[in-house]
C-alpha atoms as a PDB file:
ATOM      1  CA  UNK A   1      -8.101 -13.524  -9.352  1.00  0.00           C
ATOM      2  CA  UNK A   2      -7.344 -15.876 -12.218  1.00  0.00           C
ATOM      3  CA  UNK A   3      -4.616 -13.526 -13.472  1.00  0.00           C
ATOM      4  CA  UNK A   4      -2.981 -13.520 -10.030  1.00  0.00           C
ATOM      5  CA  UNK A   5      -2.920 -17.334  -9.926  1.00  0.00           C
ATOM      6  CA  UNK A   6      -1.323 -17.464 -13.363  1.00  0.00           C
ATOM      7  CA  UNK A   7       1.211 -14.846 -12.283  1.00  0.00           C
ATOM      8  CA  UNK A   8       2.382 -16.944  -9.335  1.00  0.00           C
ATOM      9  CA  UNK A   9       2.472 -20.217 -11.296  1.00  0.00           C
ATOM     10  CA  UNK A  10       5.362 -18.902 -13.384  1.00  0.00           C
ATOM     11  CA  UNK A  11       8.714 -18.074 -11.872  1.00  0.00           C
ATOM     12  CA  UNK A  12       8.941 -14.492 -10.621  1.00  0.00           C
ATOM     13  CA  UNK A  13      12.449 -13.209 -11.231  1.00  0.00           C
ATOM     14  CA  UNK A  14      14.091  -9.913 -10.348  1.00  0.00           C
ATOM     15  CA  UNK A  15      13.125  -8.373 -13.684  1.00  0.00           C
ATOM     16  CA  UNK A  16       9.425  -9.076 -13.057  1.00  0.00           C
ATOM     17  CA  UNK A  17       9.648  -7.534  -9.585  1.00  0.00           C
ATOM     18  CA  UNK A  18      11.381  -4.428 -10.942  1.00  0.00           C
ATOM     19  CA  UNK A  19       8.814  -4.015 -13.727  1.00  0.00           C
ATOM     20  CA  UNK A  20       5.934  -4.333 -11.262  1.00  0.00           C
ATOM     21  CA  UNK A  21       7.586  -1.963  -8.795  1.00  0.00           C
ATOM     22  CA  UNK A  22       8.187   0.660 -11.470  1.00  0.00           C
ATOM     23  CA  UNK A  23       4.578   0.445 -12.662  1.00  0.00           C
ATOM     24  CA  UNK A  24       2.781   0.177  -9.307  1.00  0.00           C
ATOM     25  CA  UNK A  25       4.990   1.764  -6.626  1.00  0.00           C
ATOM     26  CA  UNK A  26       7.124   4.357  -8.364  1.00  0.00           C
ATOM     27  CA  UNK A  27       4.259   6.867  -8.864  1.00  0.00           C
ATOM     28  CA  UNK A  28       3.695   6.869  -5.078  1.00  0.00           C
ATOM     29  CA  UNK A  29       7.375   7.486  -4.350  1.00  0.00           C
ATOM     30  CA  UNK A  30       7.582  10.172  -7.042  1.00  0.00           C
ATOM     31  CA  UNK A  31       4.694  11.965  -5.343  1.00  0.00           C
ATOM     32  CA  UNK A  32       6.475  11.687  -1.973  1.00  0.00           C
ATOM     33  CA  UNK A  33       9.748  12.830  -3.617  1.00  0.00           C
ATOM     34  CA  UNK A  34      11.592   9.792  -2.275  1.00  0.00           C
ATOM     35  CA  UNK A  35      13.668   7.573  -4.604  1.00  0.00           C
ATOM     36  CA  UNK A  36      12.530   3.937  -4.674  1.00  0.00           C
ATOM     37  CA  UNK A  37      15.429   1.674  -3.711  1.00  0.00           C
ATOM     38  CA  UNK A  38      14.047  -1.862  -3.558  1.00  0.00           C
ATOM     39  CA  UNK A  39      11.089  -4.198  -3.893  1.00  0.00           C
ATOM     40  CA  UNK A  40      10.066  -7.775  -3.159  1.00  0.00           C
ATOM     41  CA  UNK A  41       6.994  -9.995  -3.577  1.00  0.00           C
ATOM     42  CA  UNK A  42       5.654 -12.001  -0.622  1.00  0.00           C
ATOM     43  CA  UNK A  43       2.348 -13.925  -0.549  1.00  0.00           C
ATOM     44  CA  UNK A  44       0.652 -11.985  -3.338  1.00  0.00           C
ATOM     45  CA  UNK A  45       1.783  -8.567  -2.153  1.00  0.00           C
ATOM     46  CA  UNK A  46       4.442  -6.274  -3.558  1.00  0.00           C
ATOM     47  CA  UNK A  47       6.464  -4.513  -0.877  1.00  0.00           C
ATOM     48  CA  UNK A  48       8.487  -1.511  -2.044  1.00  0.00           C
ATOM     49  CA  UNK A  49      10.843   0.758  -0.156  1.00  0.00           C
ATOM     50  CA  UNK A  50      11.898   4.315  -0.806  1.00  0.00           C
ATOM     51  CA  UNK A  51      14.653   6.154   0.984  1.00  0.00           C
ATOM     52  CA  UNK A  52      16.593   9.362   0.735  1.00  0.00           C
ATOM     53  CA  UNK A  53      19.800   9.987   2.625  1.00  0.00           C
ATOM     54  CA  UNK A  54      19.314  13.723   3.001  1.00  0.00           C
ATOM     55  CA  UNK A  55      18.904  15.583   6.238  1.00  0.00           C
ATOM     56  CA  UNK A  56      16.489  14.930   7.722  1.00  0.00           C
ATOM     57  CA  UNK A  57      16.505  11.325   6.527  1.00  0.00           C
ATOM     58  CA  UNK A  58      13.218  10.129   4.962  1.00  0.00           C
ATOM     59  CA  UNK A  59      12.110   6.552   4.374  1.00  0.00           C
ATOM     60  CA  UNK A  60       8.861   4.813   3.488  1.00  0.00           C
ATOM     61  CA  UNK A  61       7.702   1.275   2.688  1.00  0.00           C
ATOM     62  CA  UNK A  62       4.401   0.345   1.083  1.00  0.00           C
ATOM     63  CA  UNK A  63       2.381  -2.825   0.580  1.00  0.00           C
ATOM     64  CA  UNK A  64       0.493  -3.290  -2.694  1.00  0.00           C
ATOM     65  CA  UNK A  65      -2.105  -6.011  -3.273  1.00  0.00           C
ATOM     66  CA  UNK A  66      -1.218  -7.532  -6.660  1.00  0.00           C
ATOM     67  CA  UNK A  67      -4.767  -8.713  -7.364  1.00  0.00           C
ATOM     68  CA  UNK A  68      -6.199  -5.175  -7.153  1.00  0.00           C
ATOM     69  CA  UNK A  69      -2.949  -3.279  -7.848  1.00  0.00           C
ATOM     70  CA  UNK A  70      -3.788  -0.842  -5.033  1.00  0.00           C
ATOM     71  CA  UNK A  71      -1.677   0.381  -2.137  1.00  0.00           C
ATOM     72  CA  UNK A  72      -3.195  -1.096   0.998  1.00  0.00           C
ATOM     73  CA  UNK A  73      -0.697  -0.042   3.667  1.00  0.00           C
ATOM     74  CA  UNK A  74       2.151   2.387   4.253  1.00  0.00           C
ATOM     75  CA  UNK A  75       4.690   1.623   6.966  1.00  0.00           C
ATOM     76  CA  UNK A  76       6.776   4.767   7.183  1.00  0.00           C
ATOM     77  CA  UNK A  77      10.411   4.454   8.181  1.00  0.00           C
ATOM     78  CA  UNK A  78       9.907   1.395  10.416  1.00  0.00           C
ATOM     79  CA  UNK A  79       7.468  -1.416  10.915  1.00  0.00           C
ATOM     80  CA  UNK A  80       7.486  -3.182   7.537  1.00  0.00           C
ATOM     81  CA  UNK A  81       6.962  -6.913   8.248  1.00  0.00           C
ATOM     82  CA  UNK A  82       9.332  -8.102   5.468  1.00  0.00           C
ATOM     83  CA  UNK A  83      12.924  -7.347   4.589  1.00  0.00           C
ATOM     84  CA  UNK A  84      13.271  -5.332   1.402  1.00  0.00           C
ATOM     85  CA  UNK A  85      16.752  -5.563  -0.040  1.00  0.00           C
ATOM     86  CA  UNK A  86      18.233  -2.323  -1.265  1.00  0.00           C
ATOM     87  CA  UNK A  87      18.759  -2.724  -4.998  1.00  0.00           C
ATOM     88  CA  UNK A  88      19.272  -0.123  -7.653  1.00  0.00           C
ATOM     89  CA  UNK A  89      16.063   0.271  -9.635  1.00  0.00           C
ATOM     90  CA  UNK A  90      16.593   2.422 -12.679  1.00  0.00           C
END
């Protein structure tokens, strides 16, 4: 818990979010064979979104607790409580 408090005391910029998303969320999206397109941090949780524009269209959003670094919820194509901006994560 102490690490999480220290993490949020410093400024979280886009680079930090991308690094966390690549480390914590990308393995999930690789397994689902969906490219990850964006991520954001809200209230100690990392929200990440993956989407593919094929037919049929597939999309998924996940919520990761940053203190445990575990996926705690998957939202599917709809229902994610936060807006995740689509940004190129490479």
